[in-house]
Amino acid sequence: MRRWADLVTAGPVLDVASGSGRHAVLFAERGLEVIAVDREPQMIPGVQFVKADIEGGPWPFAGKRFAAIIVTNYLHRPLFTVLEQSLAENAVLLYETFMAGNERFGRPSNPAFLLKPGELLQAFRGLEAIAFEQGYVERPKPAMIQRLCATRGRAGTVRIAP
């Protein structure tokens, strides 16, 4: 997240399935308006928190657009379209989570919670990719991950082919 954080220059920023909010805090400390959403209540300094079940209930931000959406270590495929539609023009999507092969390193190991190779690129093909990575990482712990940094309508980016 830190590598591409400088691309996020305006709010509101949405941290999806925020947990304790470490990424929300990163952007709040930059002076940006940040909204964090999770099903477990959290107190995150400088961040507006919304308690919601984004898997079983309605999307709590219907009609709202964000300058950036951050998703880490979370996968609920039915949200892909909702997330893309929730991005404002010139917005940034930063998405990182586990992929197939992670079962060798521990949790998550259920294929339902592991991306297939290239899945983030395919899921967000309507956006313009700045960077995509997939494969093995050693830190913060050994894992197989995918990372996507993409934008909606920013000049100078490369469009992902359908």
N, C-alpha and C. Protein backbone atom coordinates (compact mmCIF):
# COMPACT_ATOMS: atom_id res chain seq x y z
N MET A 1 0.82 -1.19 0.00
CA MET A 1 0.00 0.00 0.00
C MET A 1 0.86 1.26 0.00
N ARG A 2 1.89 1.24 0.79
CA ARG A 2 2.74 2.44 0.87
C ARG A 2 3.38 2.79 -0.47
N ARG A 3 3.71 1.77 -1.25
CA ARG A 3 4.38 2.01 -2.52
C ARG A 3 3.55 2.89 -3.44
N TRP A 4 2.22 2.72 -3.43
CA TRP A 4 1.35 3.47 -4.32
C TRP A 4 0.53 4.53 -3.60
N ALA A 5 0.76 4.71 -2.32
CA ALA A 5 -0.03 5.65 -1.53
C ALA A 5 0.04 7.07 -2.06
N ASP A 6 1.16 7.47 -2.66
CA ASP A 6 1.29 8.84 -3.17
C ASP A 6 0.35 9.13 -4.33
N LEU A 7 -0.19 8.10 -4.96
CA LEU A 7 -1.16 8.31 -6.03
C LEU A 7 -2.51 8.78 -5.48
N VAL A 8 -2.73 8.57 -4.20
CA VAL A 8 -3.98 8.97 -3.56
C VAL A 8 -3.77 10.37 -2.99
N THR A 9 -4.33 11.35 -3.69
CA THR A 9 -4.10 12.75 -3.31
C THR A 9 -5.35 13.44 -2.80
N ALA A 10 -6.49 12.74 -2.82
CA ALA A 10 -7.74 13.33 -2.36
C ALA A 10 -8.59 12.26 -1.71
N GLY A 11 -9.55 12.71 -0.94
CA GLY A 11 -10.51 11.81 -0.35
C GLY A 11 -11.86 12.03 -1.01
N PRO A 12 -12.83 11.29 -0.60
CA PRO A 12 -12.74 10.31 0.46
C PRO A 12 -12.06 9.01 0.01
N VAL A 13 -11.38 8.38 0.96
CA VAL A 13 -10.74 7.09 0.78
C VAL A 13 -11.57 6.07 1.54
N LEU A 14 -11.88 4.94 0.89
CA LEU A 14 -12.63 3.88 1.55
C LEU A 14 -11.70 2.71 1.81
N ASP A 15 -11.60 2.29 3.07
CA ASP A 15 -10.84 1.10 3.46
C ASP A 15 -11.86 -0.02 3.71
N VAL A 16 -11.90 -0.99 2.80
CA VAL A 16 -12.89 -2.07 2.82
C VAL A 16 -12.39 -3.22 3.69
N ALA A 17 -13.27 -3.72 4.58
CA ALA A 17 -12.90 -4.78 5.52
C ALA A 17 -11.64 -4.35 6.26
N SER A 18 -11.74 -3.21 6.88
CA SER A 18 -10.59 -2.49 7.43
C SER A 18 -9.91 -3.15 8.61
N GLY A 19 -10.61 -4.03 9.32
CA GLY A 19 -10.00 -4.58 10.53
C GLY A 19 -9.63 -3.45 11.47
N SER A 20 -8.44 -3.51 12.04
CA SER A 20 -8.02 -2.49 13.00
C SER A 20 -7.69 -1.15 12.34
N GLY A 21 -7.61 -1.13 11.02
CA GLY A 21 -7.49 0.14 10.31
C GLY A 21 -6.10 0.65 10.02
N ARG A 22 -5.11 -0.22 9.92
CA ARG A 22 -3.76 0.28 9.69
C ARG A 22 -3.64 1.04 8.38
N HIS A 23 -4.36 0.62 7.34
CA HIS A 23 -4.30 1.37 6.08
C HIS A 23 -5.14 2.64 6.15
N ALA A 24 -6.25 2.59 6.85
CA ALA A 24 -7.06 3.79 7.05
C ALA A 24 -6.24 4.87 7.74
N VAL A 25 -5.49 4.47 8.75
CA VAL A 25 -4.65 5.43 9.49
C VAL A 25 -3.58 6.01 8.57
N LEU A 26 -2.98 5.19 7.73
CA LEU A 26 -1.96 5.67 6.79
C LEU A 26 -2.48 6.85 5.98
N PHE A 27 -3.69 6.74 5.45
CA PHE A 27 -4.24 7.81 4.62
C PHE A 27 -4.79 8.96 5.46
N ALA A 28 -5.33 8.68 6.63
CA ALA A 28 -5.79 9.74 7.53
C ALA A 28 -4.61 10.61 7.97
N GLU A 29 -3.47 9.99 8.24
CA GLU A 29 -2.27 10.74 8.63
C GLU A 29 -1.77 11.65 7.52
N ARG A 30 -2.19 11.40 6.29
CA ARG A 30 -1.84 12.25 5.15
C ARG A 30 -2.84 13.39 4.99
N GLY A 31 -3.78 13.48 5.92
CA GLY A 31 -4.74 14.57 5.91
C GLY A 31 -5.96 14.32 5.04
N LEU A 32 -6.19 13.07 4.64
CA LEU A 32 -7.31 12.75 3.77
C LEU A 32 -8.52 12.29 4.57
N GLU A 33 -9.70 12.56 4.04
CA GLU A 33 -10.92 12.03 4.62
C GLU A 33 -10.93 10.52 4.36
N VAL A 34 -11.11 9.73 5.42
CA VAL A 34 -11.09 8.28 5.30
C VAL A 34 -12.32 7.69 5.97
N ILE A 35 -12.92 6.74 5.26
CA ILE A 35 -14.03 5.97 5.80
C ILE A 35 -13.59 4.51 5.82
N ALA A 36 -13.74 3.87 6.96
CA ALA A 36 -13.41 2.45 7.09
C ALA A 36 -14.70 1.68 7.32
N VAL A 37 -14.80 0.51 6.69
CA VAL A 37 -15.98 -0.33 6.87
C VAL A 37 -15.53 -1.73 7.25
N ASP A 38 -16.22 -2.29 8.25
CA ASP A 38 -15.94 -3.64 8.70
C ASP A 38 -17.17 -4.12 9.46
N ARG A 39 -17.30 -5.43 9.60
CA ARG A 39 -18.45 -5.94 10.36
C ARG A 39 -18.22 -5.90 11.86
N GLU A 40 -16.96 -5.79 12.26
CA GLU A 40 -16.63 -5.68 13.68
C GLU A 40 -16.36 -4.22 14.02
N PRO A 41 -16.98 -3.70 15.08
CA PRO A 41 -16.78 -2.29 15.44
C PRO A 41 -15.31 -1.98 15.74
N GLN A 42 -14.87 -0.83 15.28
CA GLN A 42 -13.49 -0.39 15.48
C GLN A 42 -13.48 1.08 15.89
N MET A 43 -12.48 1.45 16.64
CA MET A 43 -12.22 2.86 16.96
C MET A 43 -10.90 3.20 16.30
N ILE A 44 -10.94 3.95 15.23
CA ILE A 44 -9.74 4.29 14.47
C ILE A 44 -9.59 5.81 14.49
N PRO A 45 -8.58 6.33 15.16
CA PRO A 45 -8.42 7.78 15.27
C PRO A 45 -8.37 8.47 13.91
N GLY A 46 -9.16 9.54 13.78
CA GLY A 46 -9.16 10.34 12.57
C GLY A 46 -9.90 9.74 11.40
N VAL A 47 -10.64 8.65 11.64
CA VAL A 47 -11.30 7.92 10.57
C VAL A 47 -12.78 7.74 10.92
N GLN A 48 -13.65 7.97 9.94
CA GLN A 48 -15.07 7.67 10.12
C GLN A 48 -15.24 6.16 9.96
N PHE A 49 -15.88 5.52 10.92
CA PHE A 49 -16.07 4.08 10.84
C PHE A 49 -17.53 3.75 10.59
N VAL A 50 -17.77 2.81 9.68
CA VAL A 50 -19.12 2.32 9.38
C VAL A 50 -19.13 0.82 9.66
N LYS A 51 -20.01 0.41 10.58
CA LYS A 51 -20.18 -1.02 10.86
C LYS A 51 -21.21 -1.56 9.88
N ALA A 52 -20.80 -2.56 9.09
CA ALA A 52 -21.72 -3.14 8.11
C ALA A 52 -21.26 -4.54 7.73
N ASP A 53 -22.23 -5.38 7.43
CA ASP A 53 -21.95 -6.70 6.90
C ASP A 53 -22.00 -6.58 5.38
N ILE A 54 -20.86 -6.35 4.76
CA ILE A 54 -20.82 -6.10 3.32
C ILE A 54 -20.95 -7.37 2.50
N GLU A 55 -20.98 -8.51 3.15
CA GLU A 55 -21.23 -9.77 2.44
C GLU A 55 -22.70 -10.18 2.53
N GLY A 56 -23.34 -9.93 3.65
CA GLY A 56 -24.71 -10.38 3.84
C GLY A 56 -25.76 -9.29 3.76
N GLY A 57 -25.32 -8.05 3.82
CA GLY A 57 -26.27 -6.94 3.82
C GLY A 57 -26.09 -6.06 2.59
N PRO A 58 -26.85 -4.98 2.55
CA PRO A 58 -26.72 -4.06 1.41
C PRO A 58 -25.41 -3.28 1.49
N TRP A 59 -24.93 -2.84 0.33
CA TRP A 59 -23.74 -2.00 0.27
C TRP A 59 -24.08 -0.68 0.96
N PRO A 60 -23.36 -0.33 2.02
CA PRO A 60 -23.73 0.85 2.81
C PRO A 60 -23.41 2.19 2.15
N PHE A 61 -22.80 2.16 0.96
CA PHE A 61 -22.38 3.40 0.31
C PHE A 61 -23.03 3.57 -1.06
N ALA A 62 -24.25 3.08 -1.21
CA ALA A 62 -24.95 3.16 -2.49
C ALA A 62 -24.97 4.61 -2.99
N GLY A 63 -24.51 4.80 -4.22
CA GLY A 63 -24.51 6.12 -4.83
C GLY A 63 -23.33 7.00 -4.47
N LYS A 64 -22.52 6.59 -3.52
CA LYS A 64 -21.36 7.39 -3.11
C LYS A 64 -20.16 6.99 -3.94
N ARG A 65 -19.32 7.97 -4.29
CA ARG A 65 -18.10 7.73 -5.06
C ARG A 65 -16.89 8.09 -4.21
N PHE A 66 -15.81 7.33 -4.40
CA PHE A 66 -14.59 7.50 -3.61
C PHE A 66 -13.42 7.85 -4.51
N ALA A 67 -12.52 8.67 -3.98
CA ALA A 67 -11.29 9.02 -4.70
C ALA A 67 -10.29 7.88 -4.66
N ALA A 68 -10.45 6.99 -3.69
CA ALA A 68 -9.60 5.80 -3.59
C ALA A 68 -10.34 4.74 -2.80
N ILE A 69 -10.11 3.49 -3.19
CA ILE A 69 -10.62 2.35 -2.44
C ILE A 69 -9.45 1.42 -2.19
N ILE A 70 -9.31 1.01 -0.93
CA ILE A 70 -8.22 0.16 -0.48
C ILE A 70 -8.81 -1.15 0.02
N VAL A 71 -8.27 -2.27 -0.47
CA VAL A 71 -8.71 -3.59 0.00
C VAL A 71 -7.45 -4.43 0.23
N THR A 72 -7.29 -4.96 1.44
CA THR A 72 -6.15 -5.84 1.71
C THR A 72 -6.62 -7.07 2.49
N ASN A 73 -6.06 -8.21 2.11
CA ASN A 73 -6.31 -9.48 2.80
C ASN A 73 -7.79 -9.77 2.95
N TYR A 74 -8.56 -9.47 1.90
CA TYR A 74 -9.99 -9.70 1.93
C TYR A 74 -10.46 -10.03 0.51
N LEU A 75 -11.33 -11.02 0.41
CA LEU A 75 -11.85 -11.41 -0.90
C LEU A 75 -13.31 -11.80 -0.77
N HIS A 76 -14.14 -11.04 -1.45
CA HIS A 76 -15.56 -11.38 -1.62
C HIS A 76 -15.90 -10.96 -3.05
N ARG A 77 -15.79 -11.91 -3.94
CA ARG A 77 -15.91 -11.63 -5.38
C ARG A 77 -17.16 -10.86 -5.78
N PRO A 78 -18.32 -11.10 -5.15
CA PRO A 78 -19.50 -10.32 -5.55
C PRO A 78 -19.33 -8.80 -5.38
N LEU A 79 -18.34 -8.37 -4.62
CA LEU A 79 -18.11 -6.93 -4.43
C LEU A 79 -17.28 -6.30 -5.55
N PHE A 80 -16.66 -7.09 -6.39
CA PHE A 80 -15.78 -6.52 -7.43
C PHE A 80 -16.50 -5.44 -8.23
N THR A 81 -17.68 -5.73 -8.74
CA THR A 81 -18.41 -4.76 -9.55
C THR A 81 -18.80 -3.53 -8.73
N VAL A 82 -19.26 -3.76 -7.51
CA VAL A 82 -19.65 -2.65 -6.63
C VAL A 82 -18.46 -1.74 -6.36
N LEU A 83 -17.30 -2.32 -6.11
CA LEU A 83 -16.11 -1.51 -5.85
C LEU A 83 -15.76 -0.68 -7.07
N GLU A 84 -15.75 -1.30 -8.24
CA GLU A 84 -15.41 -0.55 -9.45
C GLU A 84 -16.41 0.58 -9.69
N GLN A 85 -17.68 0.33 -9.48
CA GLN A 85 -18.70 1.36 -9.67
C GLN A 85 -18.62 2.46 -8.62
N SER A 86 -17.98 2.19 -7.50
CA SER A 86 -17.87 3.17 -6.42
C SER A 86 -16.66 4.09 -6.57
N LEU A 87 -15.87 3.86 -7.60
CA LEU A 87 -14.71 4.72 -7.84
C LEU A 87 -15.12 5.97 -8.62
N ALA A 88 -14.70 7.12 -8.15
CA ALA A 88 -14.93 8.38 -8.87
C ALA A 88 -13.99 8.45 -10.07
N GLU A 89 -14.23 9.41 -10.94
CA GLU A 89 -13.30 9.63 -12.06
C GLU A 89 -11.94 10.01 -11.49
N ASN A 90 -10.88 9.50 -12.09
CA ASN A 90 -9.49 9.71 -11.65
C ASN A 90 -9.17 9.06 -10.31
N ALA A 91 -10.02 8.15 -9.87
CA ALA A 91 -9.81 7.49 -8.58
C ALA A 91 -8.80 6.36 -8.69
N VAL A 92 -8.34 5.90 -7.53
CA VAL A 92 -7.33 4.84 -7.44
C VAL A 92 -7.89 3.65 -6.67
N LEU A 93 -7.65 2.46 -7.21
CA LEU A 93 -7.97 1.22 -6.51
C LEU A 93 -6.66 0.55 -6.13
N LEU A 94 -6.49 0.24 -4.85
CA LEU A 94 -5.34 -0.52 -4.36
C LEU A 94 -5.89 -1.80 -3.75
N TYR A 95 -5.56 -2.92 -4.36
CA TYR A 95 -6.13 -4.20 -3.91
C TYR A 95 -5.01 -5.21 -3.77
N GLU A 96 -4.94 -5.85 -2.61
CA GLU A 96 -3.95 -6.90 -2.37
C GLU A 96 -4.58 -7.98 -1.51
N THR A 97 -4.49 -9.22 -2.00
CA THR A 97 -4.96 -10.34 -1.21
C THR A 97 -4.31 -11.64 -1.67
N PHE A 98 -4.69 -12.71 -1.05
CA PHE A 98 -4.04 -14.00 -1.26
C PHE A 98 -4.52 -14.67 -2.55
N MET A 99 -3.65 -15.50 -3.10
CA MET A 99 -3.98 -16.21 -4.33
C MET A 99 -3.69 -17.70 -4.20
N ALA A 100 -4.11 -18.44 -5.22
CA ALA A 100 -3.86 -19.88 -5.27
C ALA A 100 -2.38 -20.16 -5.02
N GLY A 101 -2.13 -21.19 -4.25
CA GLY A 101 -0.76 -21.53 -3.85
C GLY A 101 -0.50 -21.15 -2.41
N ASN A 102 -1.33 -20.26 -1.86
CA ASN A 102 -1.13 -19.83 -0.48
C ASN A 102 -1.39 -20.95 0.52
N GLU A 103 -2.14 -21.97 0.10
CA GLU A 103 -2.42 -23.08 1.02
C GLU A 103 -1.14 -23.75 1.52
N ARG A 104 -0.04 -23.62 0.79
CA ARG A 104 1.24 -24.18 1.24
C ARG A 104 1.81 -23.44 2.45
N PHE A 105 1.32 -22.22 2.67
CA PHE A 105 1.88 -21.37 3.73
C PHE A 105 0.94 -21.16 4.90
N GLY A 106 -0.26 -21.70 4.84
CA GLY A 106 -1.21 -21.52 5.93
C GLY A 106 -2.49 -20.90 5.43
N ARG A 107 -3.09 -20.08 6.26
CA ARG A 107 -4.39 -19.49 5.96
C ARG A 107 -4.25 -18.18 5.22
N PRO A 108 -5.22 -17.89 4.36
CA PRO A 108 -6.31 -18.75 3.97
C PRO A 108 -5.84 -19.86 3.04
N SER A 109 -6.53 -20.98 3.13
CA SER A 109 -6.18 -22.12 2.28
C SER A 109 -7.38 -22.61 1.47
N ASN A 110 -8.56 -22.16 1.82
CA ASN A 110 -9.77 -22.52 1.10
C ASN A 110 -9.76 -21.84 -0.27
N PRO A 111 -9.89 -22.59 -1.37
CA PRO A 111 -9.86 -21.99 -2.71
C PRO A 111 -10.89 -20.88 -2.91
N ALA A 112 -11.97 -20.90 -2.16
CA ALA A 112 -12.98 -19.84 -2.28
C ALA A 112 -12.43 -18.48 -1.86
N PHE A 113 -11.36 -18.49 -1.06
CA PHE A 113 -10.77 -17.25 -0.56
C PHE A 113 -9.41 -16.96 -1.17
N LEU A 114 -9.11 -17.64 -2.27
CA LEU A 114 -7.83 -17.45 -2.96
C LEU A 114 -8.09 -17.06 -4.42
N LEU A 115 -7.45 -15.99 -4.83
CA LEU A 115 -7.58 -15.55 -6.22
C LEU A 115 -6.95 -16.57 -7.16
N LYS A 116 -7.50 -16.67 -8.35
CA LYS A 116 -6.89 -17.47 -9.42
C LYS A 116 -5.83 -16.60 -10.10
N PRO A 117 -4.84 -17.19 -10.77
CA PRO A 117 -3.84 -16.38 -11.46
C PRO A 117 -4.49 -15.34 -12.38
N GLY A 118 -4.05 -14.11 -12.22
CA GLY A 118 -4.54 -13.00 -13.05
C GLY A 118 -5.95 -12.54 -12.75
N GLU A 119 -6.56 -13.06 -11.70
CA GLU A 119 -7.97 -12.76 -11.45
C GLU A 119 -8.26 -11.29 -11.18
N LEU A 120 -7.39 -10.60 -10.44
CA LEU A 120 -7.65 -9.18 -10.20
C LEU A 120 -7.62 -8.37 -11.50
N LEU A 121 -6.69 -8.68 -12.38
CA LEU A 121 -6.65 -8.00 -13.69
C LEU A 121 -7.95 -8.22 -14.45
N GLN A 122 -8.43 -9.44 -14.46
CA GLN A 122 -9.66 -9.76 -15.17
C GLN A 122 -10.86 -9.09 -14.51
N ALA A 123 -10.93 -9.14 -13.20
CA ALA A 123 -12.08 -8.60 -12.48
C ALA A 123 -12.20 -7.09 -12.66
N PHE A 124 -11.07 -6.40 -12.76
CA PHE A 124 -11.08 -4.94 -12.86
C PHE A 124 -10.59 -4.46 -14.22
N ARG A 125 -10.94 -5.21 -15.26
CA ARG A 125 -10.48 -4.88 -16.61
C ARG A 125 -11.06 -3.57 -17.13
N GLY A 126 -12.10 -3.06 -16.49
CA GLY A 126 -12.65 -1.77 -16.87
C GLY A 126 -11.83 -0.60 -16.36
N LEU A 127 -10.83 -0.87 -15.54
CA LEU A 127 -9.95 0.17 -15.02
C LEU A 127 -8.64 0.17 -15.79
N GLU A 128 -7.81 1.12 -15.49
CA GLU A 128 -6.51 1.24 -16.15
C GLU A 128 -5.42 0.85 -15.16
N ALA A 129 -4.64 -0.16 -15.51
CA ALA A 129 -3.63 -0.70 -14.59
C ALA A 129 -2.42 0.21 -14.53
N ILE A 130 -1.96 0.45 -13.34
CA ILE A 130 -0.67 1.10 -13.12
C ILE A 130 0.35 0.02 -12.81
N ALA A 131 -0.06 -0.96 -11.98
CA ALA A 131 0.84 -2.05 -11.63
C ALA A 131 0.03 -3.27 -11.25
N PHE A 132 0.58 -4.43 -11.58
CA PHE A 132 0.00 -5.71 -11.19
C PHE A 132 1.14 -6.64 -10.84
N GLU A 133 1.01 -7.30 -9.70
CA GLU A 133 2.01 -8.28 -9.27
C GLU A 133 1.28 -9.50 -8.76
N GLN A 134 1.89 -10.66 -8.99
CA GLN A 134 1.35 -11.87 -8.38
C GLN A 134 2.50 -12.83 -8.14
N GLY A 135 2.37 -13.57 -7.05
CA GLY A 135 3.37 -14.57 -6.76
C GLY A 135 3.76 -14.58 -5.29
N TYR A 136 4.92 -15.15 -5.05
CA TYR A 136 5.42 -15.38 -3.70
C TYR A 136 6.00 -14.11 -3.08
N VAL A 137 5.68 -13.88 -1.81
CA VAL A 137 6.30 -12.83 -1.01
C VAL A 137 6.79 -13.46 0.30
N GLU A 138 7.85 -12.90 0.84
CA GLU A 138 8.37 -13.37 2.14
C GLU A 138 7.86 -12.55 3.31
N ARG A 139 7.52 -11.26 3.05
CA ARG A 139 7.12 -10.38 4.13
C ARG A 139 5.74 -9.82 3.86
N PRO A 140 4.92 -9.65 4.86
CA PRO A 140 5.24 -9.79 6.28
C PRO A 140 5.35 -11.23 6.75
N LYS A 141 4.83 -12.17 5.92
CA LYS A 141 5.01 -13.60 6.17
C LYS A 141 4.98 -14.28 4.81
N PRO A 142 5.58 -15.46 4.69
CA PRO A 142 5.54 -16.15 3.40
C PRO A 142 4.09 -16.37 2.95
N ALA A 143 3.82 -15.99 1.69
CA ALA A 143 2.46 -16.08 1.15
C ALA A 143 2.50 -15.96 -0.36
N MET A 144 1.41 -16.35 -0.97
CA MET A 144 1.17 -16.12 -2.40
C MET A 144 0.10 -15.03 -2.48
N ILE A 145 0.41 -13.95 -3.19
CA ILE A 145 -0.50 -12.81 -3.22
C ILE A 145 -0.66 -12.27 -4.64
N GLN A 146 -1.68 -11.44 -4.80
CA GLN A 146 -1.84 -10.60 -5.98
C GLN A 146 -2.01 -9.17 -5.50
N ARG A 147 -1.43 -8.25 -6.26
CA ARG A 147 -1.57 -6.82 -5.98
C ARG A 147 -1.97 -6.13 -7.26
N LEU A 148 -2.92 -5.21 -7.14
CA LEU A 148 -3.32 -4.40 -8.28
C LEU A 148 -3.43 -2.96 -7.85
N CYS A 149 -2.78 -2.10 -8.61
CA CYS A 149 -2.96 -0.66 -8.48
C CYS A 149 -3.55 -0.22 -9.81
N ALA A 150 -4.77 0.31 -9.78
CA ALA A 150 -5.46 0.69 -11.00
C ALA A 150 -6.21 1.99 -10.79
N THR A 151 -6.52 2.65 -11.90
CA THR A 151 -7.25 3.91 -11.82
C THR A 151 -8.43 3.91 -12.79
N ARG A 152 -9.30 4.85 -12.54
CA ARG A 152 -10.39 5.11 -13.46
C ARG A 152 -10.09 6.44 -14.13
N GLY A 153 -9.66 6.37 -15.40
CA GLY A 153 -9.55 7.57 -16.20
C GLY A 153 -8.36 8.48 -15.97
N ARG A 154 -7.31 8.01 -15.37
CA ARG A 154 -6.12 8.86 -15.21
C ARG A 154 -5.28 8.85 -16.47
N ALA A 155 -4.82 9.99 -16.89
CA ALA A 155 -3.96 10.08 -18.07
C ALA A 155 -2.62 9.43 -17.77
N GLY A 156 -2.04 8.81 -18.82
CA GLY A 156 -0.70 8.25 -18.68
C GLY A 156 -0.67 6.84 -18.15
N THR A 157 -1.83 6.20 -18.03
CA THR A 157 -1.85 4.82 -17.57
C THR A 157 -2.10 3.89 -18.76
N VAL A 158 -1.88 2.63 -18.54
CA VAL A 158 -2.07 1.63 -19.59
C VAL A 158 -3.38 0.91 -19.33
N ARG A 159 -4.25 0.89 -20.32
CA ARG A 159 -5.55 0.24 -20.17
C ARG A 159 -5.40 -1.28 -20.21
N ILE A 160 -6.13 -1.95 -19.33
CA ILE A 160 -6.14 -3.41 -19.28
C ILE A 160 -7.07 -3.87 -20.40
N ALA A 161 -6.57 -4.73 -21.27
CA ALA A 161 -7.39 -5.25 -22.36
C ALA A 161 -8.47 -6.18 -21.82
N PRO A 162 -9.68 -6.16 -22.40
CA PRO A 162 -10.74 -7.05 -21.91
C PRO A 162 -10.44 -8.51 -22.18
